[in-house]
Amino acid sequence: MVVEADTLKHLVHNQAKGNIFKNRNDPRVTRVGRFLRRTSLDELPQFWNVLKGEMSLVGTRPPTVDEVMKYKRHHYQRLLVKPGITGEWQANGRSTVEDFEDIVKMDVAYQEKWSVSYDIALILKTIQSVLNKSGAY
């Protein structure tokens, strides 16, 4: 992203609904950034957070502080698991899921279905989505 991207966020139309921010053609994303996002290479640095124990491979996406400040009571349940590089909505929709309430439902469903085998299934599904570049922009 361009320098000071957070300070320019208010100039970009949010195409998502609720407490997330998405824009398919965000002008703050550089040409290199678009490539990194499209190929999901922008996620690689998060493996360092996994090694440090701050994140898991599978969980909920870590929200930004400004997103959490807008949470309603039922949104906090999605934070009851360690954040992950991938999760229910990354494996089952990625960028096509544009309603925060749908993301919350998927995160809560993940918590209810959690098992090691389910995590492995989500990781495999995520790898398939990344290789097929489905849902990435």
N, C-alpha and C. Protein backbone atom coordinates (compact mmCIF):
# COMPACT_ATOMS: atom_id res chain seq x y z
N MET A 1 0.85 -1.19 0.00
CA MET A 1 0.00 0.00 0.00
C MET A 1 0.89 1.24 0.00
N VAL A 2 0.26 2.33 -0.36
CA VAL A 2 1.00 3.59 -0.37
C VAL A 2 1.29 4.02 1.06
N VAL A 3 2.26 4.90 1.20
CA VAL A 3 2.61 5.45 2.51
C VAL A 3 1.40 6.21 3.06
N GLU A 4 1.16 6.06 4.37
CA GLU A 4 0.04 6.74 5.03
C GLU A 4 -1.33 6.26 4.54
N ALA A 5 -1.43 5.01 4.13
CA ALA A 5 -2.67 4.46 3.58
C ALA A 5 -3.84 4.60 4.56
N ASP A 6 -3.58 4.40 5.85
CA ASP A 6 -4.67 4.52 6.83
C ASP A 6 -5.28 5.92 6.86
N THR A 7 -4.46 6.93 6.65
CA THR A 7 -4.99 8.30 6.69
C THR A 7 -5.81 8.63 5.45
N LEU A 8 -5.67 7.81 4.40
CA LEU A 8 -6.42 8.03 3.16
C LEU A 8 -7.66 7.15 3.06
N LYS A 9 -7.87 6.29 4.04
CA LYS A 9 -8.98 5.33 4.00
C LYS A 9 -10.33 6.01 3.82
N HIS A 10 -10.52 7.15 4.44
CA HIS A 10 -11.81 7.85 4.35
C HIS A 10 -12.12 8.33 2.92
N LEU A 11 -11.14 8.35 2.05
CA LEU A 11 -11.34 8.79 0.67
C LEU A 11 -11.77 7.65 -0.27
N VAL A 12 -11.72 6.41 0.25
CA VAL A 12 -12.01 5.23 -0.56
C VAL A 12 -13.37 4.67 -0.17
N HIS A 13 -14.19 4.37 -1.17
CA HIS A 13 -15.53 3.81 -0.94
C HIS A 13 -15.42 2.39 -0.39
N ASN A 14 -16.10 2.13 0.71
CA ASN A 14 -16.15 0.78 1.27
C ASN A 14 -17.23 -0.01 0.55
N GLN A 15 -16.84 -1.09 -0.12
CA GLN A 15 -17.79 -1.91 -0.86
C GLN A 15 -18.36 -3.03 0.01
N ALA A 16 -17.90 -3.13 1.24
CA ALA A 16 -18.41 -4.16 2.15
C ALA A 16 -19.48 -3.57 3.05
N LYS A 17 -20.18 -4.44 3.72
CA LYS A 17 -21.25 -4.02 4.61
C LYS A 17 -20.85 -4.35 6.05
N GLY A 18 -20.91 -3.38 6.91
CA GLY A 18 -20.61 -3.63 8.32
C GLY A 18 -19.20 -3.24 8.71
N ASN A 19 -18.65 -3.96 9.68
CA ASN A 19 -17.39 -3.59 10.31
C ASN A 19 -16.14 -4.13 9.61
N ILE A 20 -16.16 -4.21 8.31
CA ILE A 20 -14.96 -4.57 7.55
C ILE A 20 -14.83 -3.58 6.41
N PHE A 21 -13.64 -3.50 5.86
CA PHE A 21 -13.41 -2.57 4.76
C PHE A 21 -12.87 -3.34 3.57
N LYS A 22 -13.54 -3.20 2.43
CA LYS A 22 -13.11 -3.85 1.19
C LYS A 22 -13.40 -2.92 0.02
N ASN A 23 -12.45 -2.90 -0.90
CA ASN A 23 -12.65 -2.19 -2.15
C ASN A 23 -11.83 -2.92 -3.21
N ARG A 24 -12.50 -3.44 -4.22
CA ARG A 24 -11.83 -4.25 -5.25
C ARG A 24 -10.74 -3.49 -5.98
N ASN A 25 -10.88 -2.19 -6.12
CA ASN A 25 -9.90 -1.38 -6.85
C ASN A 25 -9.36 -0.27 -5.96
N ASP A 26 -9.00 -0.63 -4.74
CA ASP A 26 -8.51 0.35 -3.76
C ASP A 26 -7.30 1.08 -4.35
N PRO A 27 -7.40 2.40 -4.56
CA PRO A 27 -6.30 3.15 -5.16
C PRO A 27 -5.06 3.24 -4.26
N ARG A 28 -5.20 2.87 -3.00
CA ARG A 28 -4.05 2.92 -2.09
C ARG A 28 -3.12 1.73 -2.27
N VAL A 29 -3.57 0.72 -2.98
CA VAL A 29 -2.77 -0.48 -3.20
C VAL A 29 -1.87 -0.27 -4.42
N THR A 30 -0.59 -0.48 -4.24
CA THR A 30 0.36 -0.31 -5.34
C THR A 30 0.28 -1.48 -6.31
N ARG A 31 0.95 -1.36 -7.44
CA ARG A 31 0.97 -2.44 -8.43
C ARG A 31 1.57 -3.71 -7.83
N VAL A 32 2.64 -3.56 -7.09
CA VAL A 32 3.26 -4.71 -6.41
C VAL A 32 2.29 -5.29 -5.39
N GLY A 33 1.61 -4.42 -4.67
CA GLY A 33 0.63 -4.85 -3.68
C GLY A 33 -0.51 -5.65 -4.29
N ARG A 34 -0.97 -5.22 -5.46
CA ARG A 34 -2.03 -5.98 -6.15
C ARG A 34 -1.56 -7.38 -6.49
N PHE A 35 -0.33 -7.50 -6.96
CA PHE A 35 0.23 -8.81 -7.27
C PHE A 35 0.31 -9.66 -6.00
N LEU A 36 0.81 -9.08 -4.93
CA LEU A 36 0.95 -9.82 -3.67
C LEU A 36 -0.41 -10.28 -3.16
N ARG A 37 -1.43 -9.43 -3.26
CA ARG A 37 -2.77 -9.80 -2.81
C ARG A 37 -3.38 -10.88 -3.69
N ARG A 38 -3.26 -10.70 -5.01
CA ARG A 38 -3.86 -11.65 -5.95
C ARG A 38 -3.27 -13.05 -5.77
N THR A 39 -1.98 -13.11 -5.45
CA THR A 39 -1.30 -14.39 -5.27
C THR A 39 -1.28 -14.84 -3.81
N SER A 40 -1.82 -14.03 -2.92
CA SER A 40 -1.85 -14.27 -1.47
C SER A 40 -0.46 -14.31 -0.84
N LEU A 41 0.55 -13.81 -1.54
CA LEU A 41 1.89 -13.74 -0.97
C LEU A 41 1.97 -12.73 0.17
N ASP A 42 0.99 -11.83 0.24
CA ASP A 42 0.96 -10.86 1.33
C ASP A 42 0.68 -11.52 2.68
N GLU A 43 0.26 -12.77 2.66
CA GLU A 43 -0.02 -13.49 3.91
C GLU A 43 1.23 -14.14 4.50
N LEU A 44 2.29 -14.30 3.71
CA LEU A 44 3.48 -15.00 4.19
C LEU A 44 4.09 -14.42 5.47
N PRO A 45 4.18 -13.10 5.64
CA PRO A 45 4.75 -12.58 6.89
C PRO A 45 4.00 -13.04 8.14
N GLN A 46 2.72 -13.40 7.99
CA GLN A 46 1.96 -13.83 9.16
C GLN A 46 2.46 -15.16 9.72
N PHE A 47 3.19 -15.92 8.93
CA PHE A 47 3.76 -17.16 9.46
C PHE A 47 4.72 -16.86 10.60
N TRP A 48 5.36 -15.71 10.58
CA TRP A 48 6.21 -15.30 11.69
C TRP A 48 5.38 -15.14 12.97
N ASN A 49 4.18 -14.57 12.84
CA ASN A 49 3.29 -14.43 13.99
C ASN A 49 2.85 -15.80 14.51
N VAL A 50 2.68 -16.77 13.62
CA VAL A 50 2.34 -18.13 14.03
C VAL A 50 3.50 -18.73 14.82
N LEU A 51 4.72 -18.58 14.32
CA LEU A 51 5.90 -19.11 15.01
C LEU A 51 6.09 -18.46 16.38
N LYS A 52 5.73 -17.18 16.51
CA LYS A 52 5.84 -16.48 17.79
C LYS A 52 4.70 -16.85 18.73
N GLY A 53 3.67 -17.56 18.23
CA GLY A 53 2.55 -17.95 19.07
C GLY A 53 1.45 -16.91 19.17
N GLU A 54 1.54 -15.84 18.40
CA GLU A 54 0.54 -14.78 18.44
C GLU A 54 -0.68 -15.11 17.58
N MET A 55 -0.47 -15.99 16.60
CA MET A 55 -1.55 -16.38 15.70
C MET A 55 -1.51 -17.89 15.53
N SER A 56 -2.58 -18.40 14.97
CA SER A 56 -2.69 -19.81 14.63
C SER A 56 -2.75 -19.92 13.12
N LEU A 57 -2.56 -21.11 12.58
CA LEU A 57 -2.76 -21.28 11.14
C LEU A 57 -4.22 -21.07 10.78
N VAL A 58 -5.13 -21.59 11.63
CA VAL A 58 -6.57 -21.48 11.38
C VAL A 58 -7.23 -20.80 12.58
N GLY A 59 -8.11 -19.89 12.30
CA GLY A 59 -8.83 -19.17 13.35
C GLY A 59 -9.68 -18.11 12.71
N THR A 60 -9.87 -17.00 13.41
CA THR A 60 -10.60 -15.87 12.84
C THR A 60 -9.58 -14.84 12.38
N ARG A 61 -9.93 -14.04 11.40
CA ARG A 61 -9.02 -13.00 10.95
C ARG A 61 -8.89 -11.95 12.05
N PRO A 62 -7.68 -11.50 12.34
CA PRO A 62 -7.53 -10.48 13.37
C PRO A 62 -8.12 -9.15 12.89
N PRO A 63 -8.99 -8.57 13.69
CA PRO A 63 -9.60 -7.29 13.29
C PRO A 63 -8.67 -6.13 13.60
N THR A 64 -8.95 -5.01 12.97
CA THR A 64 -8.22 -3.79 13.30
C THR A 64 -8.89 -3.15 14.52
N VAL A 65 -8.16 -2.28 15.18
CA VAL A 65 -8.69 -1.62 16.38
C VAL A 65 -9.95 -0.83 16.03
N ASP A 66 -9.94 -0.12 14.90
CA ASP A 66 -11.13 0.67 14.55
C ASP A 66 -12.33 -0.20 14.25
N GLU A 67 -12.11 -1.43 13.77
CA GLU A 67 -13.23 -2.35 13.56
C GLU A 67 -13.83 -2.78 14.90
N VAL A 68 -12.98 -3.14 15.85
CA VAL A 68 -13.46 -3.61 17.16
C VAL A 68 -14.20 -2.49 17.89
N MET A 69 -13.79 -1.27 17.70
CA MET A 69 -14.46 -0.14 18.35
C MET A 69 -15.91 -0.01 17.90
N LYS A 70 -16.24 -0.59 16.75
CA LYS A 70 -17.61 -0.52 16.22
C LYS A 70 -18.40 -1.80 16.47
N TYR A 71 -17.80 -2.76 17.16
CA TYR A 71 -18.47 -4.04 17.40
C TYR A 71 -19.74 -3.87 18.22
N LYS A 72 -20.72 -4.72 17.91
CA LYS A 72 -21.89 -4.90 18.75
C LYS A 72 -21.59 -6.09 19.65
N ARG A 73 -22.42 -6.29 20.62
CA ARG A 73 -22.17 -7.34 21.63
C ARG A 73 -21.89 -8.71 21.01
N HIS A 74 -22.70 -9.14 20.04
CA HIS A 74 -22.55 -10.49 19.48
C HIS A 74 -21.30 -10.65 18.61
N HIS A 75 -20.69 -9.57 18.19
CA HIS A 75 -19.48 -9.65 17.37
C HIS A 75 -18.27 -10.14 18.17
N TYR A 76 -18.26 -9.89 19.46
CA TYR A 76 -17.11 -10.24 20.28
C TYR A 76 -16.86 -11.75 20.36
N GLN A 77 -17.89 -12.55 20.11
CA GLN A 77 -17.71 -14.00 20.18
C GLN A 77 -16.67 -14.49 19.17
N ARG A 78 -16.53 -13.80 18.06
CA ARG A 78 -15.56 -14.22 17.05
C ARG A 78 -14.13 -14.08 17.55
N LEU A 79 -13.93 -13.34 18.63
CA LEU A 79 -12.59 -13.13 19.18
C LEU A 79 -12.22 -14.16 20.24
N LEU A 80 -13.07 -15.14 20.47
CA LEU A 80 -12.81 -16.13 21.51
C LEU A 80 -11.78 -17.19 21.12
N VAL A 81 -11.35 -17.18 19.87
CA VAL A 81 -10.29 -18.08 19.43
C VAL A 81 -9.11 -17.23 18.96
N LYS A 82 -7.94 -17.84 18.98
CA LYS A 82 -6.74 -17.15 18.51
C LYS A 82 -6.90 -16.82 17.03
N PRO A 83 -6.51 -15.63 16.63
CA PRO A 83 -6.63 -15.28 15.21
C PRO A 83 -5.77 -16.20 14.35
N GLY A 84 -6.21 -16.40 13.12
CA GLY A 84 -5.50 -17.30 12.23
C GLY A 84 -5.23 -16.70 10.87
N ILE A 85 -4.28 -17.30 10.17
CA ILE A 85 -3.97 -16.86 8.81
C ILE A 85 -5.15 -17.17 7.89
N THR A 86 -5.78 -18.31 8.12
CA THR A 86 -6.96 -18.67 7.35
C THR A 86 -8.06 -19.07 8.31
N GLY A 87 -9.25 -19.22 7.78
CA GLY A 87 -10.38 -19.60 8.61
C GLY A 87 -11.56 -19.95 7.74
N GLU A 88 -12.69 -20.03 8.38
CA GLU A 88 -13.92 -20.44 7.70
C GLU A 88 -14.23 -19.56 6.49
N TRP A 89 -14.23 -18.26 6.66
CA TRP A 89 -14.63 -17.43 5.52
C TRP A 89 -13.53 -17.25 4.49
N GLN A 90 -12.26 -17.43 4.86
CA GLN A 90 -11.21 -17.38 3.85
C GLN A 90 -11.28 -18.62 2.96
N ALA A 91 -11.58 -19.76 3.56
CA ALA A 91 -11.65 -21.02 2.81
C ALA A 91 -12.95 -21.13 2.02
N ASN A 92 -13.99 -20.48 2.50
CA ASN A 92 -15.32 -20.63 1.88
C ASN A 92 -15.87 -19.32 1.35
N GLY A 93 -15.04 -18.57 0.67
CA GLY A 93 -15.55 -17.36 0.06
C GLY A 93 -14.51 -16.28 -0.17
N ARG A 94 -13.54 -16.23 0.69
CA ARG A 94 -12.50 -15.20 0.60
C ARG A 94 -13.10 -13.82 0.40
N SER A 95 -12.67 -13.13 -0.60
CA SER A 95 -13.10 -11.74 -0.81
C SER A 95 -14.52 -11.59 -1.30
N THR A 96 -15.16 -12.69 -1.65
CA THR A 96 -16.55 -12.59 -2.11
C THR A 96 -17.53 -12.40 -0.95
N VAL A 97 -17.10 -12.68 0.26
CA VAL A 97 -17.95 -12.45 1.44
C VAL A 97 -17.75 -10.99 1.84
N GLU A 98 -18.79 -10.21 1.64
CA GLU A 98 -18.66 -8.77 1.84
C GLU A 98 -19.58 -8.20 2.92
N ASP A 99 -20.22 -9.06 3.68
CA ASP A 99 -21.09 -8.62 4.76
C ASP A 99 -20.49 -9.10 6.08
N PHE A 100 -20.17 -8.17 6.95
CA PHE A 100 -19.53 -8.52 8.22
C PHE A 100 -20.37 -9.50 9.04
N GLU A 101 -21.69 -9.37 8.99
CA GLU A 101 -22.54 -10.30 9.75
C GLU A 101 -22.35 -11.74 9.24
N ASP A 102 -22.15 -11.92 7.94
CA ASP A 102 -21.89 -13.25 7.39
C ASP A 102 -20.55 -13.78 7.89
N ILE A 103 -19.57 -12.90 7.99
CA ILE A 103 -18.25 -13.29 8.50
C ILE A 103 -18.37 -13.73 9.95
N VAL A 104 -19.10 -12.98 10.75
CA VAL A 104 -19.29 -13.33 12.16
C VAL A 104 -19.97 -14.69 12.28
N LYS A 105 -21.00 -14.92 11.48
CA LYS A 105 -21.69 -16.22 11.50
C LYS A 105 -20.74 -17.36 11.14
N MET A 106 -19.91 -17.14 10.13
CA MET A 106 -18.95 -18.17 9.73
C MET A 106 -17.91 -18.41 10.81
N ASP A 107 -17.43 -17.34 11.46
CA ASP A 107 -16.45 -17.49 12.53
C ASP A 107 -17.03 -18.25 13.73
N VAL A 108 -18.27 -17.95 14.08
CA VAL A 108 -18.92 -18.65 15.19
C VAL A 108 -19.18 -20.10 14.82
N ALA A 109 -19.58 -20.34 13.58
CA ALA A 109 -19.78 -21.72 13.11
C ALA A 109 -18.47 -22.49 13.17
N TYR A 110 -17.36 -21.84 12.81
CA TYR A 110 -16.05 -22.49 12.90
C TYR A 110 -15.76 -22.91 14.34
N GLN A 111 -16.03 -22.03 15.28
CA GLN A 111 -15.78 -22.34 16.68
C GLN A 111 -16.59 -23.56 17.13
N GLU A 112 -17.83 -23.65 16.65
CA GLU A 112 -18.69 -24.76 17.04
C GLU A 112 -18.27 -26.08 16.38
N LYS A 113 -17.70 -26.00 15.17
CA LYS A 113 -17.30 -27.20 14.44
C LYS A 113 -15.85 -27.59 14.67
N TRP A 114 -15.11 -26.81 15.44
CA TRP A 114 -13.66 -26.97 15.53
C TRP A 114 -13.23 -28.40 15.83
N SER A 115 -12.24 -28.83 15.12
CA SER A 115 -11.51 -30.07 15.39
C SER A 115 -10.23 -29.99 14.58
N VAL A 116 -9.26 -30.81 14.92
CA VAL A 116 -8.00 -30.84 14.18
C VAL A 116 -8.27 -31.20 12.72
N SER A 117 -9.13 -32.19 12.51
CA SER A 117 -9.41 -32.61 11.13
C SER A 117 -10.11 -31.49 10.36
N TYR A 118 -10.97 -30.71 11.02
CA TYR A 118 -11.63 -29.60 10.34
C TYR A 118 -10.61 -28.51 9.98
N ASP A 119 -9.67 -28.24 10.89
CA ASP A 119 -8.61 -27.28 10.59
C ASP A 119 -7.80 -27.72 9.37
N ILE A 120 -7.47 -28.99 9.31
CA ILE A 120 -6.71 -29.53 8.17
C ILE A 120 -7.52 -29.36 6.88
N ALA A 121 -8.81 -29.63 6.96
CA ALA A 121 -9.68 -29.47 5.78
C ALA A 121 -9.71 -28.01 5.33
N LEU A 122 -9.79 -27.07 6.27
CA LEU A 122 -9.79 -25.65 5.92
C LEU A 122 -8.45 -25.21 5.32
N ILE A 123 -7.36 -25.74 5.85
CA ILE A 123 -6.04 -25.42 5.30
C ILE A 123 -5.94 -25.92 3.87
N LEU A 124 -6.37 -27.14 3.62
CA LEU A 124 -6.32 -27.70 2.27
C LEU A 124 -7.22 -26.92 1.31
N LYS A 125 -8.39 -26.54 1.79
CA LYS A 125 -9.31 -25.77 0.95
C LYS A 125 -8.73 -24.38 0.65
N THR A 126 -8.05 -23.81 1.62
CA THR A 126 -7.41 -22.50 1.43
C THR A 126 -6.29 -22.61 0.39
N ILE A 127 -5.48 -23.64 0.51
CA ILE A 127 -4.39 -23.85 -0.46
C ILE A 127 -4.97 -23.97 -1.86
N GLN A 128 -6.05 -24.72 -2.00
CA GLN A 128 -6.70 -24.88 -3.30
C GLN A 128 -7.19 -23.53 -3.83
N SER A 129 -7.82 -22.73 -2.96
CA SER A 129 -8.31 -21.41 -3.37
C SER A 129 -7.16 -20.49 -3.79
N VAL A 130 -6.05 -20.55 -3.05
CA VAL A 130 -4.90 -19.71 -3.38
C VAL A 130 -4.31 -20.13 -4.73
N LEU A 131 -4.15 -21.41 -4.93
CA LEU A 131 -3.59 -21.89 -6.19
C LEU A 131 -4.48 -21.57 -7.39
N ASN A 132 -5.80 -21.62 -7.17
CA ASN A 132 -6.76 -21.29 -8.23
C ASN A 132 -7.02 -19.79 -8.34
N LYS A 133 -6.46 -19.02 -7.38
CA LYS A 133 -6.68 -17.57 -7.29
C LYS A 133 -8.15 -17.21 -7.25
N SER A 134 -8.95 -18.07 -6.64
CA SER A 134 -10.38 -17.79 -6.55
C SER A 134 -10.68 -16.88 -5.37
N GLY A 135 -11.48 -15.87 -5.62
CA GLY A 135 -11.89 -14.95 -4.58
C GLY A 135 -10.84 -13.94 -4.15
N ALA A 136 -9.71 -13.89 -4.83
CA ALA A 136 -8.66 -12.95 -4.44
C ALA A 136 -8.69 -11.72 -5.33
N TYR A 137 -8.50 -10.58 -4.71
CA TYR A 137 -8.31 -9.34 -5.47
C TYR A 137 -7.45 -8.39 -4.68
